Amino acid sequence: MTDQPTVAEATTQPAVAPAFDAERRATELAILDALREVVDPEIGMNVVELALIKQIIVARPSRR
């Protein structure tokens, strides 16, 4: 016996791929555009060009 899944086990497990959310991506791009207005006063470049923004996390709206 091996630790590898059988053909039946491998086919029953769905592959989970991240879904592309166009609205979320548009929001991220709008945030980046707004952050381009923030300029480092010592260097004179915006924080996006300086690569100071590493990640944008957009929270999902709560359902109430």
PDB file of N, CA and C in Angstrom:
ATOM      1  N   MET A   1       0.833  -1.181   0.000  1.00  0.00           N
ATOM      2  CA  MET A   1       0.000   0.000   0.000  1.00  0.00           C
ATOM      3  C   MET A   1       0.881   1.248   0.000  1.00  0.00           C
ATOM      4  N   THR A   2       0.432   2.272  -0.707  1.00  0.00           N
ATOM      5  CA  THR A   2       1.160   3.533  -0.747  1.00  0.00           C
ATOM      6  C   THR A   2       0.316   4.630  -0.119  1.00  0.00           C
ATOM      7  N   ASP A   3       0.949   5.749   0.131  1.00  0.00           N
ATOM      8  CA  ASP A   3       0.249   6.885   0.717  1.00  0.00           C
ATOM      9  C   ASP A   3      -0.411   7.768  -0.333  1.00  0.00           C
ATOM     10  N   GLN A   4      -0.281   7.411  -1.594  1.00  0.00           N
ATOM     11  CA  GLN A   4      -0.858   8.223  -2.657  1.00  0.00           C
ATOM     12  C   GLN A   4      -2.354   7.935  -2.776  1.00  0.00           C
ATOM     13  N   PRO A   5      -3.157   8.969  -3.101  1.00  0.00           N
ATOM     14  CA  PRO A   5      -4.603   8.740  -3.232  1.00  0.00           C
ATOM     15  C   PRO A   5      -4.917   7.876  -4.436  1.00  0.00           C
ATOM     16  N   THR A   6      -5.980   7.114  -4.330  1.00  0.00           N
ATOM     17  CA  THR A   6      -6.406   6.299  -5.457  1.00  0.00           C
ATOM     18  C   THR A   6      -7.066   7.198  -6.495  1.00  0.00           C
ATOM     19  N   VAL A   7      -7.363   6.641  -7.650  1.00  0.00           N
ATOM     20  CA  VAL A   7      -7.993   7.415  -8.723  1.00  0.00           C
ATOM     21  C   VAL A   7      -9.351   7.940  -8.258  1.00  0.00           C
ATOM     22  N   ALA A   8     -10.105   7.134  -7.531  1.00  0.00           N
ATOM     23  CA  ALA A   8     -11.422   7.557  -7.055  1.00  0.00           C
ATOM     24  C   ALA A   8     -11.302   8.715  -6.077  1.00  0.00           C
ATOM     25  N   GLU A   9     -10.323   8.656  -5.178  1.00  0.00           N
ATOM     26  CA  GLU A   9     -10.130   9.745  -4.215  1.00  0.00           C
ATOM     27  C   GLU A   9      -9.680  11.017  -4.910  1.00  0.00           C
ATOM     28  N   ALA A  10      -8.799  10.897  -5.880  1.00  0.00           N
ATOM     29  CA  ALA A  10      -8.269  12.068  -6.571  1.00  0.00           C
ATOM     30  C   ALA A  10      -9.337  12.774  -7.388  1.00  0.00           C
ATOM     31  N   THR A  11     -10.291  12.039  -7.932  1.00  0.00           N
ATOM     32  CA  THR A  11     -11.305  12.677  -8.773  1.00  0.00           C
ATOM     33  C   THR A  11     -12.450  13.261  -7.959  1.00  0.00           C
ATOM     34  N   THR A  12     -12.641  12.820  -6.715  1.00  0.00           N
ATOM     35  CA  THR A  12     -13.739  13.343  -5.919  1.00  0.00           C
ATOM     36  C   THR A  12     -13.392  14.635  -5.211  1.00  0.00           C
ATOM     37  N   GLN A  13     -12.123  14.976  -5.101  1.00  0.00           N
ATOM     38  CA  GLN A  13     -11.710  16.201  -4.440  1.00  0.00           C
ATOM     39  C   GLN A  13     -11.664  17.327  -5.467  1.00  0.00           C
ATOM     40  N   PRO A  14     -12.528  18.346  -5.316  1.00  0.00           N
ATOM     41  CA  PRO A  14     -12.554  19.430  -6.309  1.00  0.00           C
ATOM     42  C   PRO A  14     -11.302  20.304  -6.205  1.00  0.00           C
ATOM     43  N   ALA A  15     -10.835  20.734  -7.340  1.00  0.00           N
ATOM     44  CA  ALA A  15      -9.699  21.657  -7.372  1.00  0.00           C
ATOM     45  C   ALA A  15     -10.215  23.050  -7.034  1.00  0.00           C
ATOM     46  N   VAL A  16      -9.579  23.695  -6.098  1.00  0.00           N
ATOM     47  CA  VAL A  16     -10.017  25.017  -5.671  1.00  0.00           C
ATOM     48  C   VAL A  16      -9.096  26.052  -6.305  1.00  0.00           C
ATOM     49  N   ALA A  17      -9.637  26.824  -7.205  1.00  0.00           N
ATOM     50  CA  ALA A  17      -8.882  27.889  -7.858  1.00  0.00           C
ATOM     51  C   ALA A  17      -9.456  29.227  -7.415  1.00  0.00           C
ATOM     52  N   PRO A  18      -8.598  30.191  -7.146  1.00  0.00           N
ATOM     53  CA  PRO A  18      -9.126  31.499  -6.741  1.00  0.00           C
ATOM     54  C   PRO A  18      -9.911  32.136  -7.885  1.00  0.00           C
ATOM     55  N   ALA A  19     -11.067  32.636  -7.553  1.00  0.00           N
ATOM     56  CA  ALA A  19     -11.924  33.275  -8.552  1.00  0.00           C
ATOM     57  C   ALA A  19     -11.498  34.726  -8.740  1.00  0.00           C
ATOM     58  N   PHE A  20     -11.509  35.189  -9.969  1.00  0.00           N
ATOM     59  CA  PHE A  20     -11.172  36.580 -10.261  1.00  0.00           C
ATOM     60  C   PHE A  20     -12.398  37.433 -10.012  1.00  0.00           C
ATOM     61  N   ASP A  21     -12.232  38.453  -9.206  1.00  0.00           N
ATOM     62  CA  ASP A  21     -13.330  39.360  -8.878  1.00  0.00           C
ATOM     63  C   ASP A  21     -13.001  40.723  -9.481  1.00  0.00           C
ATOM     64  N   ALA A  22     -13.658  41.053 -10.569  1.00  0.00           N
ATOM     65  CA  ALA A  22     -13.365  42.297 -11.289  1.00  0.00           C
ATOM     66  C   ALA A  22     -13.641  43.529 -10.438  1.00  0.00           C
ATOM     67  N   GLU A  23     -14.698  43.495  -9.647  1.00  0.00           N
ATOM     68  CA  GLU A  23     -15.031  44.637  -8.800  1.00  0.00           C
ATOM     69  C   GLU A  23     -13.963  44.857  -7.723  1.00  0.00           C
ATOM     70  N   ARG A  24     -13.496  43.763  -7.134  1.00  0.00           N
ATOM     71  CA  ARG A  24     -12.447  43.860  -6.110  1.00  0.00           C
ATOM     72  C   ARG A  24     -11.147  44.396  -6.727  1.00  0.00           C
ATOM     73  N   ARG A  25     -10.806  43.914  -7.925  1.00  0.00           N
ATOM     74  CA  ARG A  25      -9.587  44.392  -8.598  1.00  0.00           C
ATOM     75  C   ARG A  25      -9.699  45.875  -8.932  1.00  0.00           C
ATOM     76  N   ALA A  26     -10.871  46.312  -9.372  1.00  0.00           N
ATOM     77  CA  ALA A  26     -11.078  47.736  -9.674  1.00  0.00           C
ATOM     78  C   ALA A  26     -10.906  48.577  -8.416  1.00  0.00           C
ATOM     79  N   THR A  27     -11.369  48.058  -7.285  1.00  0.00           N
ATOM     80  CA  THR A  27     -11.201  48.761  -6.013  1.00  0.00           C
ATOM     81  C   THR A  27      -9.733  48.865  -5.645  1.00  0.00           C
ATOM     82  N   GLU A  28      -8.990  47.774  -5.811  1.00  0.00           N
ATOM     83  CA  GLU A  28      -7.548  47.782  -5.519  1.00  0.00           C
ATOM     84  C   GLU A  28      -6.822  48.813  -6.389  1.00  0.00           C
ATOM     85  N   LEU A  29      -7.172  48.864  -7.667  1.00  0.00           N
ATOM     86  CA  LEU A  29      -6.529  49.821  -8.570  1.00  0.00           C
ATOM     87  C   LEU A  29      -6.885  51.261  -8.213  1.00  0.00           C
ATOM     88  N   ALA A  30      -8.130  51.483  -7.777  1.00  0.00           N
ATOM     89  CA  ALA A  30      -8.537  52.828  -7.344  1.00  0.00           C
ATOM     90  C   ALA A  30      -7.759  53.246  -6.099  1.00  0.00           C
ATOM     91  N   ILE A  31      -7.531  52.313  -5.190  1.00  0.00           N
ATOM     92  CA  ILE A  31      -6.738  52.609  -3.990  1.00  0.00           C
ATOM     93  C   ILE A  31      -5.305  52.950  -4.374  1.00  0.00           C
ATOM     94  N   LEU A  32      -4.729  52.172  -5.283  1.00  0.00           N
ATOM     95  CA  LEU A  32      -3.364  52.462  -5.741  1.00  0.00           C
ATOM     96  C   LEU A  32      -3.285  53.837  -6.403  1.00  0.00           C
ATOM     97  N   ASP A  33      -4.286  54.173  -7.210  1.00  0.00           N
ATOM     98  CA  ASP A  33      -4.307  55.492  -7.852  1.00  0.00           C
ATOM     99  C   ASP A  33      -4.345  56.609  -6.812  1.00  0.00           C
ATOM    100  N   ALA A  34      -5.139  56.421  -5.767  1.00  0.00           N
ATOM    101  CA  ALA A  34      -5.209  57.432  -4.703  1.00  0.00           C
ATOM    102  C   ALA A  34      -3.881  57.533  -3.955  1.00  0.00           C
ATOM    103  N   LEU A  35      -3.233  56.384  -3.736  1.00  0.00           N
ATOM    104  CA  LEU A  35      -1.958  56.392  -3.013  1.00  0.00           C
ATOM    105  C   LEU A  35      -0.824  57.018  -3.829  1.00  0.00           C
ATOM    106  N   ARG A  36      -0.999  57.098  -5.140  1.00  0.00           N
ATOM    107  CA  ARG A  36       0.022  57.759  -5.977  1.00  0.00           C
ATOM    108  C   ARG A  36       0.125  59.251  -5.646  1.00  0.00           C
ATOM    109  N   GLU A  37      -0.900  59.799  -5.009  1.00  0.00           N
ATOM    110  CA  GLU A  37      -0.889  61.206  -4.602  1.00  0.00           C
ATOM    111  C   GLU A  37      -0.059  61.434  -3.334  1.00  0.00           C
ATOM    112  N   VAL A  38       0.263  60.362  -2.610  1.00  0.00           N
ATOM    113  CA  VAL A  38       1.036  60.472  -1.369  1.00  0.00           C
ATOM    114  C   VAL A  38       2.519  60.459  -1.731  1.00  0.00           C
ATOM    115  N   VAL A  39       3.186  61.594  -1.514  1.00  0.00           N
ATOM    116  CA  VAL A  39       4.579  61.759  -1.923  1.00  0.00           C
ATOM    117  C   VAL A  39       5.479  61.799  -0.695  1.00  0.00           C
ATOM    118  N   ASP A  40       6.582  61.065  -0.770  1.00  0.00           N
ATOM    119  CA  ASP A  40       7.587  61.134   0.289  1.00  0.00           C
ATOM    120  C   ASP A  40       8.282  62.487   0.169  1.00  0.00           C
ATOM    121  N   PRO A  41       8.243  63.326   1.202  1.00  0.00           N
ATOM    122  CA  PRO A  41       8.783  64.682   1.087  1.00  0.00           C
ATOM    123  C   PRO A  41      10.300  64.737   0.925  1.00  0.00           C
ATOM    124  N   GLU A  42      11.018  63.743   1.432  1.00  0.00           N
ATOM    125  CA  GLU A  42      12.475  63.753   1.325  1.00  0.00           C
ATOM    126  C   GLU A  42      12.953  63.296  -0.047  1.00  0.00           C
ATOM    127  N   ILE A  43      12.239  62.344  -0.640  1.00  0.00           N
ATOM    128  CA  ILE A  43      12.672  61.775  -1.922  1.00  0.00           C
ATOM    129  C   ILE A  43      11.944  62.416  -3.090  1.00  0.00           C
ATOM    130  N   GLY A  44      10.701  62.837  -2.862  1.00  0.00           N
ATOM    131  CA  GLY A  44       9.928  63.458  -3.925  1.00  0.00           C
ATOM    132  C   GLY A  44       9.248  62.476  -4.853  1.00  0.00           C
ATOM    133  N   MET A  45       9.115  61.232  -4.436  1.00  0.00           N
ATOM    134  CA  MET A  45       8.424  60.208  -5.231  1.00  0.00           C
ATOM    135  C   MET A  45       7.228  59.705  -4.437  1.00  0.00           C
ATOM    136  N   ASN A  46       6.229  59.196  -5.176  1.00  0.00           N
ATOM    137  CA  ASN A  46       5.055  58.688  -4.466  1.00  0.00           C
ATOM    138  C   ASN A  46       5.337  57.315  -3.866  1.00  0.00           C
ATOM    139  N   VAL A  47       4.528  56.955  -2.882  1.00  0.00           N
ATOM    140  CA  VAL A  47       4.772  55.723  -2.135  1.00  0.00           C
ATOM    141  C   VAL A  47       4.569  54.464  -2.976  1.00  0.00           C
ATOM    142  N   VAL A  48       3.791  54.546  -4.044  1.00  0.00           N
ATOM    143  CA  VAL A  48       3.603  53.388  -4.916  1.00  0.00           C
ATOM    144  C   VAL A  48       4.870  53.140  -5.732  1.00  0.00           C
ATOM    145  N   GLU A  49       5.437  54.198  -6.315  1.00  0.00           N
ATOM    146  CA  GLU A  49       6.672  54.052  -7.090  1.00  0.00           C
ATOM    147  C   GLU A  49       7.841  53.614  -6.223  1.00  0.00           C
ATOM    148  N   LEU A  50       7.824  54.006  -4.964  1.00  0.00           N
ATOM    149  CA  LEU A  50       8.878  53.602  -4.035  1.00  0.00           C
ATOM    150  C   LEU A  50       8.678  52.172  -3.539  1.00  0.00           C
ATOM    151  N   ALA A  51       7.610  51.534  -3.942  1.00  0.00           N
ATOM    152  CA  ALA A  51       7.281  50.150  -3.562  1.00  0.00           C
ATOM    153  C   ALA A  51       7.094  50.015  -2.054  1.00  0.00           C
ATOM    154  N   LEU A  52       6.520  51.041  -1.437  1.00  0.00           N
ATOM    155  CA  LEU A  52       6.238  50.974  -0.011  1.00  0.00           C
ATOM    156  C   LEU A  52       4.900  50.292   0.269  1.00  0.00           C
ATOM    157  N   ILE A  53       4.079  50.142  -0.766  1.00  0.00           N
ATOM    158  CA  ILE A  53       2.800  49.454  -0.633  1.00  0.00           C
ATOM    159  C   ILE A  53       3.026  48.014  -1.086  1.00  0.00           C
ATOM    160  N   LYS A  54       2.964  47.098  -0.146  1.00  0.00           N
ATOM    161  CA  LYS A  54       3.235  45.686  -0.452  1.00  0.00           C
ATOM    162  C   LYS A  54       1.980  44.897  -0.767  1.00  0.00           C
ATOM    163  N   GLN A  55       0.863  45.258  -0.129  1.00  0.00           N
ATOM    164  CA  GLN A  55      -0.359  44.485  -0.298  1.00  0.00           C
ATOM    165  C   GLN A  55      -1.565  45.357   0.033  1.00  0.00           C
ATOM    166  N   ILE A  56      -2.622  45.136  -0.704  1.00  0.00           N
ATOM    167  CA  ILE A  56      -3.887  45.812  -0.413  1.00  0.00           C
ATOM    168  C   ILE A  56      -4.891  44.723  -0.074  1.00  0.00           C
ATOM    169  N   ILE A  57      -5.459  44.814   1.111  1.00  0.00           N
ATOM    170  CA  ILE A  57      -6.456  43.842   1.549  1.00  0.00           C
ATOM    171  C   ILE A  57      -7.796  44.555   1.629  1.00  0.00           C
ATOM    172  N   VAL A  58      -8.738  44.097   0.836  1.00  0.00           N
ATOM    173  CA  VAL A  58     -10.064  44.691   0.799  1.00  0.00           C
ATOM    174  C   VAL A  58     -11.011  43.754   1.536  1.00  0.00           C
ATOM    175  N   ALA A  59     -11.630  44.250   2.580  1.00  0.00           N
ATOM    176  CA  ALA A  59     -12.563  43.427   3.361  1.00  0.00           C
ATOM    177  C   ALA A  59     -13.863  43.249   2.591  1.00  0.00           C
ATOM    178  N   ARG A  60     -14.432  42.106   2.737  1.00  0.00           N
ATOM    179  CA  ARG A  60     -15.741  41.853   2.124  1.00  0.00           C
ATOM    180  C   ARG A  60     -16.797  42.544   2.964  1.00  0.00           C
ATOM    181  N   PRO A  61     -17.814  43.107   2.338  1.00  0.00           N
ATOM    182  CA  PRO A  61     -18.866  43.761   3.116  1.00  0.00           C
ATOM    183  C   PRO A  61     -19.604  42.754   3.988  1.00  0.00           C
ATOM    184  N   SER A  62     -19.933  43.152   5.191  1.00  0.00           N
ATOM    185  CA  SER A  62     -20.647  42.253   6.095  1.00  0.00           C
ATOM    186  C   SER A  62     -22.117  42.175   5.688  1.00  0.00           C
ATOM    187  N   ARG A  63     -22.683  41.011   5.874  1.00  0.00           N
ATOM    188  CA  ARG A  63     -24.100  40.778   5.525  1.00  0.00           C
ATOM    189  C   ARG A  63     -24.925  40.928   6.793  1.00  0.00           C
ATOM    190  N   ARG A  64     -25.786  41.907   6.805  1.00  0.00           N
ATOM    191  CA  ARG A  64     -26.658  42.110   7.977  1.00  0.00           C
ATOM    192  C   ARG A  64     -28.071  42.197   7.536  1.00  0.00           C
TER     193      ARG A  64
END
